[in-house]
Each structure stands twice: as C-alpha cells, then as structure tokens.
Amino acid sequence: MSICQILASRPRLLYDRICSTAACSVSPAEIQNFPQMPTMKTVLVVDSDVGFVFWLGQGLDQNRYAVLPAASVPNARTLVDELAITVDLAIINPALPDAADFLGRLRGCNPCLKVVLVPDPTAEPAQIPSFDLQCQKPTITDDSAQRDLIAKIRKILPPFAVI
C-alpha cells in the first residue's frame, strides 16, 4: 500500500500531512465540521506463503480494504511499527513463530482487533487464545475460493467505517 492510499483512508492523517508540508488555512476545528467520511479498514495479512498473501491481499484490496502484506511476524511487526497504524483485522497463519505474542501485542493497541486464523492444512494446531474466524487455507487459489474467503471476512469486518 502506498502512502497516498494510507493518507486517503485516514483523513486526520491527511490533514496533518498537508499542514506539515504547506501553509494550511484550515484549522483542526474546521475539520470536525466536514461531513463524516468512510474510512477503509486496515487488514494485516501474515503468512510465509507469499503467493497466498498476494492472492488474498489482491482480493481484499479489490473489496476496498487497506491491505498490509507480510511474510513473517518480524516483517509484520516492523511494518506496523514503521507506519504507526492501527490494524483492524489480522489474518495470520498461527503456525508462524511468535504469532500468539504478536497478536497479543496488536490487541494491546486495538482491543477491538478481529483475528482470522488461516493454518496450513497439514500444520499442528497452534495455541491462539482468542480469534474470530478460522479457515483452512484454500488449496486452489481461484476466484471462487477468494470470493468465499472474503465473504467470510466481510461478515466479521465490513470494509468501511464512518469516522
């Protein structure tokens, strides 16, 4: 996701960015009077299967989610820290090292965090204390499998929120 996409999905962040780079004639109080705008929900997809992350991220992006892809928990941690962004939904392979600790840290930042577990079909079940949905990773990554998975995700987290 580009910085432009992040800024467009976070109007307050956009206001701060504009005001820090140019003379701004709109005050923060005036921003409060703007009509409420829908903002995209931020989804973090973490799995060592980069093809799956790309496939799912592409589908989520087409469904108007802001997607942050990561191939490992350390990559995801760095991404979240560097962007200083709140994650609304974490889609993670629970067999990844440090997955449970990382989810606990994300929940500390956002108690309303939704979690979808996508374990490998052959993996041992991981000990994740709380999650909203568990789906087996599709073995065939076609359009119908993508639509089915995204439909399940939309039930627990619609793509927009009004700020």
C-alpha atoms as a PDB file:
ATOM      1  CA  MET A   1       0.000   0.000   0.000  1.00  0.00           C
ATOM      2  CA  SER A   2       1.338   3.404  -0.913  1.00  0.00           C
ATOM      3  CA  ILE A   3       1.492   6.376   1.420  1.00  0.00           C
ATOM      4  CA  CYS A   4      -1.207   8.011  -0.732  1.00  0.00           C
ATOM      5  CA  GLN A   5      -3.575   5.108  -0.075  1.00  0.00           C
ATOM      6  CA  ILE A   6      -2.879   5.264   3.654  1.00  0.00           C
ATOM      7  CA  LEU A   7      -3.434   9.022   3.751  1.00  0.00           C
ATOM      8  CA  ALA A   8      -6.635   8.753   1.717  1.00  0.00           C
ATOM      9  CA  SER A   9      -8.013   6.195   4.147  1.00  0.00           C
ATOM     10  CA  ARG A  10      -7.163   8.330   7.196  1.00  0.00           C
ATOM     11  CA  PRO A  11      -8.465  11.912   6.766  1.00  0.00           C
ATOM     12  CA  ARG A  12      -6.891  13.186  10.002  1.00  0.00           C
ATOM     13  CA  LEU A  13      -3.523  11.807   8.940  1.00  0.00           C
ATOM     14  CA  LEU A  14      -4.029  13.510   5.562  1.00  0.00           C
ATOM     15  CA  TYR A  15      -4.789  16.809   7.289  1.00  0.00           C
ATOM     16  CA  ASP A  16      -1.650  16.524   9.442  1.00  0.00           C
ATOM     17  CA  ARG A  17       0.461  15.634   6.408  1.00  0.00           C
ATOM     18  CA  ILE A  18      -0.816  18.596   4.370  1.00  0.00           C
ATOM     19  CA  CYS A  19      -0.386  21.059   7.234  1.00  0.00           C
ATOM     20  CA  SER A  20       3.148  19.892   7.947  1.00  0.00           C
ATOM     21  CA  THR A  21       4.254  20.430   4.333  1.00  0.00           C
ATOM     22  CA  ALA A  22       2.439  23.644   3.350  1.00  0.00           C
ATOM     23  CA  ALA A  23       0.773  26.715   4.751  1.00  0.00           C
ATOM     24  CA  CYS A  24      -2.654  25.489   5.798  1.00  0.00           C
ATOM     25  CA  SER A  25      -5.690  27.727   6.035  1.00  0.00           C
ATOM     26  CA  VAL A  26      -7.983  25.062   7.549  1.00  0.00           C
ATOM     27  CA  SER A  27      -7.873  24.585  11.297  1.00  0.00           C
ATOM     28  CA  PRO A  28      -8.358  21.240  13.069  1.00  0.00           C
ATOM     29  CA  ALA A  29     -11.634  22.598  14.479  1.00  0.00           C
ATOM     30  CA  GLU A  30     -12.895  23.200  10.939  1.00  0.00           C
ATOM     31  CA  ILE A  31     -12.044  19.607  10.030  1.00  0.00           C
ATOM     32  CA  GLN A  32     -14.583  18.492  12.667  1.00  0.00           C
ATOM     33  CA  ASN A  33     -17.312  20.261  10.656  1.00  0.00           C
ATOM     34  CA  PHE A  34     -16.621  18.258   7.491  1.00  0.00           C
ATOM     35  CA  PRO A  35     -19.148  15.532   6.741  1.00  0.00           C
ATOM     36  CA  GLN A  36     -18.248  12.179   8.177  1.00  0.00           C
ATOM     37  CA  MET A  37     -16.197  10.199   5.703  1.00  0.00           C
ATOM     38  CA  PRO A  38     -15.983   6.446   5.355  1.00  0.00           C
ATOM     39  CA  THR A  39     -12.521   5.089   6.045  1.00  0.00           C
ATOM     40  CA  MET A  40     -11.091   1.839   4.852  1.00  0.00           C
ATOM     41  CA  LYS A  41     -10.442  -0.880   7.393  1.00  0.00           C
ATOM     42  CA  THR A  42      -6.810  -1.944   7.680  1.00  0.00           C
ATOM     43  CA  VAL A  43      -6.038  -5.642   7.262  1.00  0.00           C
ATOM     44  CA  LEU A  44      -2.673  -7.196   8.072  1.00  0.00           C
ATOM     45  CA  VAL A  45      -2.073 -10.475   6.206  1.00  0.00           C
ATOM     46  CA  VAL A  46       0.809 -12.540   7.640  1.00  0.00           C
ATOM     47  CA  ASP A  47       1.883 -15.838   6.123  1.00  0.00           C
ATOM     48  CA  SER A  48       5.145 -17.328   4.877  1.00  0.00           C
ATOM     49  CA  ASP A  49       3.328 -18.377   1.684  1.00  0.00           C
ATOM     50  CA  VAL A  50       3.896 -15.172  -0.287  1.00  0.00           C
ATOM     51  CA  GLY A  51       1.639 -16.373  -3.116  1.00  0.00           C
ATOM     52  CA  PHE A  52      -1.261 -16.761  -0.692  1.00  0.00           C
ATOM     53  CA  VAL A  53      -0.576 -13.331   0.852  1.00  0.00           C
ATOM     54  CA  PHE A  54      -0.530 -11.719  -2.594  1.00  0.00           C
ATOM     55  CA  TRP A  55      -3.647 -13.594  -3.762  1.00  0.00           C
ATOM     56  CA  LEU A  56      -5.653 -12.707  -0.656  1.00  0.00           C
ATOM     57  CA  GLY A  57      -4.302  -9.151  -0.486  1.00  0.00           C
ATOM     58  CA  GLN A  58      -5.313  -8.517  -4.077  1.00  0.00           C
ATOM     59  CA  GLY A  59      -8.860  -9.711  -3.378  1.00  0.00           C
ATOM     60  CA  LEU A  60      -9.127  -7.655  -0.188  1.00  0.00           C
ATOM     61  CA  ASP A  61      -7.828  -4.575  -2.000  1.00  0.00           C
ATOM     62  CA  GLN A  62     -10.476  -5.042  -4.701  1.00  0.00           C
ATOM     63  CA  ASN A  63     -13.063  -5.165  -1.897  1.00  0.00           C
ATOM     64  CA  ARG A  64     -11.888  -1.807  -0.517  1.00  0.00           C
ATOM     65  CA  TYR A  65      -9.753  -2.911   2.404  1.00  0.00           C
ATOM     66  CA  ALA A  66      -6.374  -1.295   3.072  1.00  0.00           C
ATOM     67  CA  VAL A  67      -4.001  -4.290   2.996  1.00  0.00           C
ATOM     68  CA  LEU A  68      -0.608  -4.644   4.686  1.00  0.00           C
ATOM     69  CA  PRO A  69       1.135  -7.853   3.486  1.00  0.00           C
ATOM     70  CA  ALA A  70       3.910  -9.534   5.477  1.00  0.00           C
ATOM     71  CA  ALA A  71       5.777 -12.816   5.019  1.00  0.00           C
ATOM     72  CA  SER A  72       6.701 -13.254   8.691  1.00  0.00           C
ATOM     73  CA  VAL A  73       5.877 -11.976  12.157  1.00  0.00           C
ATOM     74  CA  PRO A  74       9.083  -9.875  12.342  1.00  0.00           C
ATOM     75  CA  ASN A  75       8.191  -8.297   8.969  1.00  0.00           C
ATOM     76  CA  ALA A  76       4.653  -7.588  10.198  1.00  0.00           C
ATOM     77  CA  ARG A  77       5.950  -6.098  13.456  1.00  0.00           C
ATOM     78  CA  THR A  78       8.309  -3.779  11.530  1.00  0.00           C
ATOM     79  CA  LEU A  79       5.556  -2.753   9.125  1.00  0.00           C
ATOM     80  CA  VAL A  80       3.085  -1.900  11.890  1.00  0.00           C
ATOM     81  CA  ASP A  81       5.734  -0.036  13.907  1.00  0.00           C
ATOM     82  CA  GLU A  82       7.077   1.983  10.980  1.00  0.00           C
ATOM     83  CA  LEU A  83       3.644   3.003   9.729  1.00  0.00           C
ATOM     84  CA  ALA A  84       2.337   3.565  13.279  1.00  0.00           C
ATOM     85  CA  ILE A  85      -1.017   2.331  12.069  1.00  0.00           C
ATOM     86  CA  THR A  86      -3.858   0.620  13.897  1.00  0.00           C
ATOM     87  CA  VAL A  87      -4.745  -2.763  12.461  1.00  0.00           C
ATOM     88  CA  ASP A  88      -8.467  -3.606  12.361  1.00  0.00           C
ATOM     89  CA  LEU A  89      -8.092  -7.224  11.228  1.00  0.00           C
ATOM     90  CA  ALA A  90      -5.147  -9.610  11.393  1.00  0.00           C
ATOM     91  CA  ILE A  91      -5.201 -12.606   9.064  1.00  0.00           C
ATOM     92  CA  ILE A  92      -2.368 -14.842  10.197  1.00  0.00           C
ATOM     93  CA  ASN A  93      -1.005 -18.346   9.919  1.00  0.00           C
ATOM     94  CA  PRO A  94      -0.978 -19.449  13.585  1.00  0.00           C
ATOM     95  CA  ALA A  95       1.962 -21.805  12.993  1.00  0.00           C
ATOM     96  CA  LEU A  96       4.347 -18.886  12.382  1.00  0.00           C
ATOM     97  CA  PRO A  97       6.904 -18.332  15.158  1.00  0.00           C
ATOM     98  CA  ASP A  98       5.763 -15.677  17.681  1.00  0.00           C
ATOM     99  CA  ALA A  99       2.263 -15.437  16.134  1.00  0.00           C
ATOM    100  CA  ALA A 100       0.467 -15.619  19.503  1.00  0.00           C
ATOM    101  CA  ASP A 101       2.730 -12.996  21.122  1.00  0.00           C
ATOM    102  CA  PHE A 102       2.349 -10.678  18.147  1.00  0.00           C
ATOM    103  CA  LEU A 103      -1.451 -10.970  18.211  1.00  0.00           C
ATOM    104  CA  GLY A 104      -1.387 -10.149  21.928  1.00  0.00           C
ATOM    105  CA  ARG A 105       0.640  -7.035  21.173  1.00  0.00           C
ATOM    106  CA  LEU A 106      -1.783  -5.991  18.417  1.00  0.00           C
ATOM    107  CA  ARG A 107      -4.727  -6.497  20.783  1.00  0.00           C
ATOM    108  CA  GLY A 108      -2.984  -4.227  23.280  1.00  0.00           C
ATOM    109  CA  CYS A 109      -3.050  -1.471  20.642  1.00  0.00           C
ATOM    110  CA  ASN A 110      -6.596  -2.244  19.489  1.00  0.00           C
ATOM    111  CA  PRO A 111      -8.838  -4.217  21.871  1.00  0.00           C
ATOM    112  CA  CYS A 112     -11.429  -4.480  19.062  1.00  0.00           C
ATOM    113  CA  LEU A 113      -8.955  -6.274  16.773  1.00  0.00           C
ATOM    114  CA  LYS A 114     -10.530  -9.054  14.732  1.00  0.00           C
ATOM    115  CA  VAL A 115      -8.403 -12.144  14.087  1.00  0.00           C
ATOM    116  CA  VAL A 116      -8.719 -14.717  11.298  1.00  0.00           C
ATOM    117  CA  LEU A 117      -6.518 -17.797  11.520  1.00  0.00           C
ATOM    118  CA  VAL A 118      -5.507 -19.498   8.272  1.00  0.00           C
ATOM    119  CA  PRO A 119      -3.466 -22.562   9.222  1.00  0.00           C
ATOM    120  CA  ASP A 120      -1.795 -24.787   6.683  1.00  0.00           C
ATOM    121  CA  PRO A 121      -3.840 -27.963   6.141  1.00  0.00           C
ATOM    122  CA  THR A 122      -1.012 -30.151   7.489  1.00  0.00           C
ATOM    123  CA  ALA A 123       0.079 -27.902  10.384  1.00  0.00           C
ATOM    124  CA  GLU A 124      -0.305 -28.719  14.047  1.00  0.00           C
ATOM    125  CA  PRO A 125      -2.958 -26.588  15.761  1.00  0.00           C
ATOM    126  CA  ALA A 126      -1.406 -23.541  17.422  1.00  0.00           C
ATOM    127  CA  GLN A 127      -2.407 -22.169  20.790  1.00  0.00           C
ATOM    128  CA  ILE A 128      -4.043 -18.840  19.921  1.00  0.00           C
ATOM    129  CA  PRO A 129      -6.267 -17.888  22.852  1.00  0.00           C
ATOM    130  CA  SER A 130      -8.881 -15.845  21.026  1.00  0.00           C
ATOM    131  CA  PHE A 131      -9.894 -15.476  17.400  1.00  0.00           C
ATOM    132  CA  ASP A 132     -12.981 -14.546  15.393  1.00  0.00           C
ATOM    133  CA  LEU A 133     -12.715 -16.969  12.495  1.00  0.00           C
ATOM    134  CA  GLN A 134     -10.620 -19.954  11.489  1.00  0.00           C
ATOM    135  CA  CYS A 135     -10.481 -21.021   7.838  1.00  0.00           C
ATOM    136  CA  GLN A 136      -8.336 -23.618   6.168  1.00  0.00           C
ATOM    137  CA  LYS A 137      -6.030 -22.085   3.599  1.00  0.00           C
ATOM    138  CA  PRO A 138      -7.535 -22.848   0.180  1.00  0.00           C
ATOM    139  CA  THR A 139      -5.628 -25.473  -1.775  1.00  0.00           C
ATOM    140  CA  ILE A 140      -6.859 -23.976  -5.043  1.00  0.00           C
ATOM    141  CA  THR A 141      -6.497 -20.224  -5.293  1.00  0.00           C
ATOM    142  CA  ASP A 142      -9.179 -19.434  -7.851  1.00  0.00           C
ATOM    143  CA  ASP A 143     -11.759 -16.652  -7.950  1.00  0.00           C
ATOM    144  CA  SER A 144     -14.492 -18.647  -6.223  1.00  0.00           C
ATOM    145  CA  ALA A 145     -12.220 -19.608  -3.308  1.00  0.00           C
ATOM    146  CA  GLN A 146     -11.200 -15.953  -2.983  1.00  0.00           C
ATOM    147  CA  ARG A 147     -14.838 -14.769  -3.025  1.00  0.00           C
ATOM    148  CA  ASP A 148     -15.791 -17.354  -0.384  1.00  0.00           C
ATOM    149  CA  LEU A 149     -12.956 -16.355   1.952  1.00  0.00           C
ATOM    150  CA  ILE A 150     -13.596 -12.631   1.525  1.00  0.00           C
ATOM    151  CA  ALA A 151     -17.329 -13.132   2.135  1.00  0.00           C
ATOM    152  CA  LYS A 152     -16.469 -14.727   5.499  1.00  0.00           C
ATOM    153  CA  ILE A 153     -14.107 -11.850   6.303  1.00  0.00           C
ATOM    154  CA  ARG A 154     -16.740  -9.234   5.399  1.00  0.00           C
ATOM    155  CA  LYS A 155     -19.138 -10.824   7.901  1.00  0.00           C
ATOM    156  CA  ILE A 156     -16.793 -10.122  10.794  1.00  0.00           C
ATOM    157  CA  LEU A 157     -15.378  -6.819   9.477  1.00  0.00           C
ATOM    158  CA  PRO A 158     -17.144  -4.686   6.860  1.00  0.00           C
ATOM    159  CA  PRO A 159     -14.617  -2.780   4.709  1.00  0.00           C
ATOM    160  CA  PHE A 160     -15.653   0.728   5.779  1.00  0.00           C
ATOM    161  CA  ALA A 161     -16.248   2.609   8.999  1.00  0.00           C
ATOM    162  CA  VAL A 162     -17.628   6.106   9.369  1.00  0.00           C
ATOM    163  CA  ILE A 163     -15.368   8.422  11.320  1.00  0.00           C
END
